[in-house]
């Protein structure tokens, strides 16, 4: 069966999938000067407004630029509303992004390792979302992440890069990583 982006959007707005993932959908098809935001939701855990960009197929680097433009627009609006003292907006913590697609390019994976305010979820043809984000390790302890990662990645070069990535993200110090 063929699905369009609109079908996926309708399923997310009308179904329980976003609620199950901790989001409350607020609006869809929000027009901005840069285009149309597919879905604007509230992250119930972080109290952030979440800009959701849907792609029927693979998410590429242009989608990251697209969602960043939307996020800046929403953040500017949020800051303006807070400055005017509108009470409704005072409890909103910030803005984040969520890309949803069938897959994502290696370039998107690299970009999202650095831009922590954007996450990625896989969708499947059955209009279901995989509840595990691209970087599920963000919610696990350091030891759980390392054990899981080592069990699935035995390439020594990848292990070295993982070590430096953890130091760069200040998850461990050089001394902890060397066993001192």
C-alpha atoms as a PDB file:
ATOM      1  CA  UNK A   1       0.000   0.000   0.000  1.00  0.00           C
ATOM      2  CA  UNK A   2       1.265   3.480  -0.855  1.00  0.00           C
ATOM      3  CA  UNK A   3       1.325   6.213   1.769  1.00  0.00           C
ATOM      4  CA  UNK A   4       1.949   9.900   1.339  1.00  0.00           C
ATOM      5  CA  UNK A   5       3.472  12.328   3.810  1.00  0.00           C
ATOM      6  CA  UNK A   6      -0.042  13.646   4.347  1.00  0.00           C
ATOM      7  CA  UNK A   7      -1.233  10.136   5.345  1.00  0.00           C
ATOM      8  CA  UNK A   8       1.578   9.901   7.895  1.00  0.00           C
ATOM      9  CA  UNK A   9       0.768  13.383   9.189  1.00  0.00           C
ATOM     10  CA  UNK A  10      -2.930  12.538   9.555  1.00  0.00           C
ATOM     11  CA  UNK A  11      -2.113   9.336  11.420  1.00  0.00           C
ATOM     12  CA  UNK A  12       0.162  11.220  13.811  1.00  0.00           C
ATOM     13  CA  UNK A  13      -2.383  13.989  14.426  1.00  0.00           C
ATOM     14  CA  UNK A  14      -5.368  11.670  14.881  1.00  0.00           C
ATOM     15  CA  UNK A  15      -3.806   8.563  16.399  1.00  0.00           C
ATOM     16  CA  UNK A  16      -2.095   7.819  19.704  1.00  0.00           C
ATOM     17  CA  UNK A  17       1.446   7.407  18.375  1.00  0.00           C
ATOM     18  CA  UNK A  18       2.701  10.871  19.369  1.00  0.00           C
ATOM     19  CA  UNK A  19       0.971  10.650  22.741  1.00  0.00           C
ATOM     20  CA  UNK A  20       2.612   7.269  23.338  1.00  0.00           C
ATOM     21  CA  UNK A  21       6.004   8.850  22.606  1.00  0.00           C
ATOM     22  CA  UNK A  22       5.378  11.698  25.050  1.00  0.00           C
ATOM     23  CA  UNK A  23       4.173  14.430  22.674  1.00  0.00           C
ATOM     24  CA  UNK A  24       0.895  16.316  22.489  1.00  0.00           C
ATOM     25  CA  UNK A  25       0.178  17.392  18.906  1.00  0.00           C
ATOM     26  CA  UNK A  26      -0.966  21.021  18.839  1.00  0.00           C
ATOM     27  CA  UNK A  27      -1.201  22.105  15.188  1.00  0.00           C
ATOM     28  CA  UNK A  28      -0.421  20.822  11.740  1.00  0.00           C
ATOM     29  CA  UNK A  29       0.405  22.660   8.525  1.00  0.00           C
ATOM     30  CA  UNK A  30       1.692  25.775  10.297  1.00  0.00           C
ATOM     31  CA  UNK A  31       2.707  28.379   7.709  1.00  0.00           C
ATOM     32  CA  UNK A  32       5.976  30.256   8.230  1.00  0.00           C
ATOM     33  CA  UNK A  33       8.047  32.543   6.025  1.00  0.00           C
ATOM     34  CA  UNK A  34      10.283  29.536   5.268  1.00  0.00           C
ATOM     35  CA  UNK A  35       7.585  27.008   4.431  1.00  0.00           C
ATOM     36  CA  UNK A  36       5.039  24.898   6.250  1.00  0.00           C
ATOM     37  CA  UNK A  37       5.735  23.066   9.525  1.00  0.00           C
ATOM     38  CA  UNK A  38       4.182  19.602   9.267  1.00  0.00           C
ATOM     39  CA  UNK A  39       3.318  19.281  12.974  1.00  0.00           C
ATOM     40  CA  UNK A  40       3.906  21.476  16.004  1.00  0.00           C
ATOM     41  CA  UNK A  41       3.689  19.507  19.248  1.00  0.00           C
ATOM     42  CA  UNK A  42       4.504  19.839  22.939  1.00  0.00           C
ATOM     43  CA  UNK A  43       7.095  17.488  24.430  1.00  0.00           C
ATOM     44  CA  UNK A  44       5.431  16.502  27.694  1.00  0.00           C
ATOM     45  CA  UNK A  45       8.756  15.554  29.321  1.00  0.00           C
ATOM     46  CA  UNK A  46      10.802  18.662  28.489  1.00  0.00           C
ATOM     47  CA  UNK A  47       7.945  21.161  28.051  1.00  0.00           C
ATOM     48  CA  UNK A  48       9.547  22.207  24.751  1.00  0.00           C
ATOM     49  CA  UNK A  49       7.618  23.084  21.632  1.00  0.00           C
ATOM     50  CA  UNK A  50       8.576  20.411  19.109  1.00  0.00           C
ATOM     51  CA  UNK A  51       8.772  21.104  15.395  1.00  0.00           C
ATOM     52  CA  UNK A  52       8.090  17.818  13.587  1.00  0.00           C
ATOM     53  CA  UNK A  53       9.190  17.430   9.978  1.00  0.00           C
ATOM     54  CA  UNK A  54       7.946  14.353   8.126  1.00  0.00           C
ATOM     55  CA  UNK A  55       9.557  12.675   5.163  1.00  0.00           C
ATOM     56  CA  UNK A  56       7.968   9.727   3.409  1.00  0.00           C
ATOM     57  CA  UNK A  57      11.339   8.283   2.518  1.00  0.00           C
ATOM     58  CA  UNK A  58      14.933   8.961   3.534  1.00  0.00           C
ATOM     59  CA  UNK A  59      15.732  12.153   5.445  1.00  0.00           C
ATOM     60  CA  UNK A  60      18.658  14.011   3.886  1.00  0.00           C
ATOM     61  CA  UNK A  61      20.744  16.998   4.911  1.00  0.00           C
ATOM     62  CA  UNK A  62      18.349  19.493   3.332  1.00  0.00           C
ATOM     63  CA  UNK A  63      15.668  18.400   5.826  1.00  0.00           C
ATOM     64  CA  UNK A  64      18.002  19.351   8.687  1.00  0.00           C
ATOM     65  CA  UNK A  65      18.337  22.859   7.252  1.00  0.00           C
ATOM     66  CA  UNK A  66      14.583  22.992   6.773  1.00  0.00           C
ATOM     67  CA  UNK A  67      13.766  22.009  10.355  1.00  0.00           C
ATOM     68  CA  UNK A  68      16.402  24.398  11.743  1.00  0.00           C
ATOM     69  CA  UNK A  69      14.759  27.308   9.879  1.00  0.00           C
ATOM     70  CA  UNK A  70      11.383  26.297  11.321  1.00  0.00           C
ATOM     71  CA  UNK A  71      12.840  25.949  14.820  1.00  0.00           C
ATOM     72  CA  UNK A  72      14.368  29.437  14.681  1.00  0.00           C
ATOM     73  CA  UNK A  73      11.026  30.862  13.544  1.00  0.00           C
ATOM     74  CA  UNK A  74       9.173  29.150  16.411  1.00  0.00           C
ATOM     75  CA  UNK A  75      11.865  30.196  18.903  1.00  0.00           C
ATOM     76  CA  UNK A  76      11.595  33.841  17.765  1.00  0.00           C
ATOM     77  CA  UNK A  77       7.815  33.681  18.192  1.00  0.00           C
ATOM     78  CA  UNK A  78       8.180  32.059  21.615  1.00  0.00           C
ATOM     79  CA  UNK A  79      10.652  34.734  22.775  1.00  0.00           C
ATOM     80  CA  UNK A  80       8.342  37.482  21.518  1.00  0.00           C
ATOM     81  CA  UNK A  81       5.347  35.965  23.344  1.00  0.00           C
ATOM     82  CA  UNK A  82       7.388  35.634  26.562  1.00  0.00           C
ATOM     83  CA  UNK A  83       8.562  39.253  26.299  1.00  0.00           C
ATOM     84  CA  UNK A  84       4.974  40.473  25.971  1.00  0.00           C
ATOM     85  CA  UNK A  85       4.149  38.609  29.165  1.00  0.00           C
ATOM     86  CA  UNK A  86       1.534  36.287  27.704  1.00  0.00           C
ATOM     87  CA  UNK A  87       1.058  33.791  30.511  1.00  0.00           C
ATOM     88  CA  UNK A  88       0.342  30.793  28.275  1.00  0.00           C
ATOM     89  CA  UNK A  89       3.857  30.931  26.832  1.00  0.00           C
ATOM     90  CA  UNK A  90       5.789  31.451  30.074  1.00  0.00           C
ATOM     91  CA  UNK A  91       5.959  27.736  30.924  1.00  0.00           C
ATOM     92  CA  UNK A  92       7.348  26.668  27.548  1.00  0.00           C
ATOM     93  CA  UNK A  93      11.001  25.769  28.091  1.00  0.00           C
ATOM     94  CA  UNK A  94      12.270  26.078  24.530  1.00  0.00           C
ATOM     95  CA  UNK A  95      12.147  24.604  21.037  1.00  0.00           C
ATOM     96  CA  UNK A  96      13.339  21.258  19.712  1.00  0.00           C
ATOM     97  CA  UNK A  97      13.027  19.363  16.455  1.00  0.00           C
ATOM     98  CA  UNK A  98      11.968  15.858  15.486  1.00  0.00           C
ATOM     99  CA  UNK A  99      12.661  14.465  12.028  1.00  0.00           C
ATOM    100  CA  UNK A 100      10.601  11.437  11.059  1.00  0.00           C
ATOM    101  CA  UNK A 101      11.453   9.357   8.016  1.00  0.00           C
ATOM    102  CA  UNK A 102      11.857   5.884   6.605  1.00  0.00           C
ATOM    103  CA  UNK A 103      15.616   6.227   7.023  1.00  0.00           C
ATOM    104  CA  UNK A 104      18.260   8.936   7.209  1.00  0.00           C
ATOM    105  CA  UNK A 105      21.468   9.573   5.323  1.00  0.00           C
ATOM    106  CA  UNK A 106      24.886   9.122   6.975  1.00  0.00           C
ATOM    107  CA  UNK A 107      25.299  12.905   6.756  1.00  0.00           C
ATOM    108  CA  UNK A 108      22.149  13.415   8.819  1.00  0.00           C
ATOM    109  CA  UNK A 109      23.417  10.950  11.416  1.00  0.00           C
ATOM    110  CA  UNK A 110      26.655  12.948  11.739  1.00  0.00           C
ATOM    111  CA  UNK A 111      24.855  16.291  11.939  1.00  0.00           C
ATOM    112  CA  UNK A 112      22.440  15.055  14.613  1.00  0.00           C
ATOM    113  CA  UNK A 113      25.338  13.855  16.750  1.00  0.00           C
ATOM    114  CA  UNK A 114      26.271  17.528  17.119  1.00  0.00           C
ATOM    115  CA  UNK A 115      22.830  19.151  17.141  1.00  0.00           C
ATOM    116  CA  UNK A 116      21.289  17.706  20.295  1.00  0.00           C
ATOM    117  CA  UNK A 117      18.065  19.699  19.957  1.00  0.00           C
ATOM    118  CA  UNK A 118      16.963  17.583  16.976  1.00  0.00           C
ATOM    119  CA  UNK A 119      16.117  13.889  17.115  1.00  0.00           C
ATOM    120  CA  UNK A 120      15.176  11.330  14.475  1.00  0.00           C
ATOM    121  CA  UNK A 121      12.528   8.604  14.514  1.00  0.00           C
ATOM    122  CA  UNK A 122      12.038   5.898  11.921  1.00  0.00           C
ATOM    123  CA  UNK A 123       8.579   5.375  10.504  1.00  0.00           C
ATOM    124  CA  UNK A 124       7.462   2.165   8.894  1.00  0.00           C
ATOM    125  CA  UNK A 125       5.125   1.633   5.956  1.00  0.00           C
ATOM    126  CA  UNK A 126       2.415   0.514   8.396  1.00  0.00           C
ATOM    127  CA  UNK A 127       2.366   4.102   9.746  1.00  0.00           C
ATOM    128  CA  UNK A 128       3.980   3.075  12.990  1.00  0.00           C
ATOM    129  CA  UNK A 129       6.916   4.820  14.547  1.00  0.00           C
ATOM    130  CA  UNK A 130       9.820   2.984  16.034  1.00  0.00           C
ATOM    131  CA  UNK A 131       9.904   4.300  19.602  1.00  0.00           C
ATOM    132  CA  UNK A 132      13.689   4.191  19.741  1.00  0.00           C
ATOM    133  CA  UNK A 133      15.281   7.433  18.527  1.00  0.00           C
ATOM    134  CA  UNK A 134      18.414   7.403  16.383  1.00  0.00           C
ATOM    135  CA  UNK A 135      20.480   7.907  19.539  1.00  0.00           C
ATOM    136  CA  UNK A 136      18.655   5.877  22.201  1.00  0.00           C
ATOM    137  CA  UNK A 137      21.781   6.001  24.373  1.00  0.00           C
ATOM    138  CA  UNK A 138      20.854   9.514  25.506  1.00  0.00           C
ATOM    139  CA  UNK A 139      18.507   7.998  28.097  1.00  0.00           C
ATOM    140  CA  UNK A 140      20.764   5.205  29.351  1.00  0.00           C
ATOM    141  CA  UNK A 141      23.525   5.201  31.930  1.00  0.00           C
ATOM    142  CA  UNK A 142      27.116   5.483  30.774  1.00  0.00           C
ATOM    143  CA  UNK A 143      27.885   1.856  31.636  1.00  0.00           C
ATOM    144  CA  UNK A 144      24.747   0.528  29.873  1.00  0.00           C
ATOM    145  CA  UNK A 145      25.649   2.509  26.743  1.00  0.00           C
ATOM    146  CA  UNK A 146      29.234   1.240  26.711  1.00  0.00           C
ATOM    147  CA  UNK A 147      28.288  -2.406  27.210  1.00  0.00           C
ATOM    148  CA  UNK A 148      25.580  -2.248  24.541  1.00  0.00           C
ATOM    149  CA  UNK A 149      27.859  -0.404  22.153  1.00  0.00           C
ATOM    150  CA  UNK A 150      30.819  -2.763  22.575  1.00  0.00           C
ATOM    151  CA  UNK A 151      28.591  -5.831  22.127  1.00  0.00           C
ATOM    152  CA  UNK A 152      27.403  -4.524  18.752  1.00  0.00           C
ATOM    153  CA  UNK A 153      30.584  -2.815  17.469  1.00  0.00           C
ATOM    154  CA  UNK A 154      33.813  -4.754  17.372  1.00  0.00           C
ATOM    155  CA  UNK A 155      35.697  -2.711  14.797  1.00  0.00           C
ATOM    156  CA  UNK A 156      38.723  -1.230  16.617  1.00  0.00           C
ATOM    157  CA  UNK A 157      38.651   2.023  14.641  1.00  0.00           C
ATOM    158  CA  UNK A 158      34.985   2.496  15.520  1.00  0.00           C
ATOM    159  CA  UNK A 159      35.834   1.831  19.178  1.00  0.00           C
ATOM    160  CA  UNK A 160      38.483   4.546  19.105  1.00  0.00           C
ATOM    161  CA  UNK A 161      36.057   7.026  17.538  1.00  0.00           C
ATOM    162  CA  UNK A 162      33.421   6.102  20.132  1.00  0.00           C
ATOM    163  CA  UNK A 163      35.964   6.820  22.893  1.00  0.00           C
ATOM    164  CA  UNK A 164      36.797  10.279  21.502  1.00  0.00           C
ATOM    165  CA  UNK A 165      33.100  11.028  20.932  1.00  0.00           C
ATOM    166  CA  UNK A 166      32.367  10.284  24.595  1.00  0.00           C
ATOM    167  CA  UNK A 167      35.210  12.576  25.720  1.00  0.00           C
ATOM    168  CA  UNK A 168      34.050  15.336  23.343  1.00  0.00           C
ATOM    169  CA  UNK A 169      30.536  15.118  24.771  1.00  0.00           C
ATOM    170  CA  UNK A 170      32.006  15.287  28.308  1.00  0.00           C
ATOM    171  CA  UNK A 171      30.429  11.931  29.199  1.00  0.00           C
ATOM    172  CA  UNK A 172      33.807  10.695  30.455  1.00  0.00           C
ATOM    173  CA  UNK A 173      37.208  12.236  31.114  1.00  0.00           C
ATOM    174  CA  UNK A 174      40.424  11.114  29.437  1.00  0.00           C
ATOM    175  CA  UNK A 175      41.497   9.579  32.739  1.00  0.00           C
ATOM    176  CA  UNK A 176      38.302   7.508  33.029  1.00  0.00           C
ATOM    177  CA  UNK A 177      38.668   6.367  29.445  1.00  0.00           C
ATOM    178  CA  UNK A 178      42.243   5.196  29.933  1.00  0.00           C
ATOM    179  CA  UNK A 179      41.373   3.251  33.081  1.00  0.00           C
ATOM    180  CA  UNK A 180      43.509   5.430  35.393  1.00  0.00           C
END
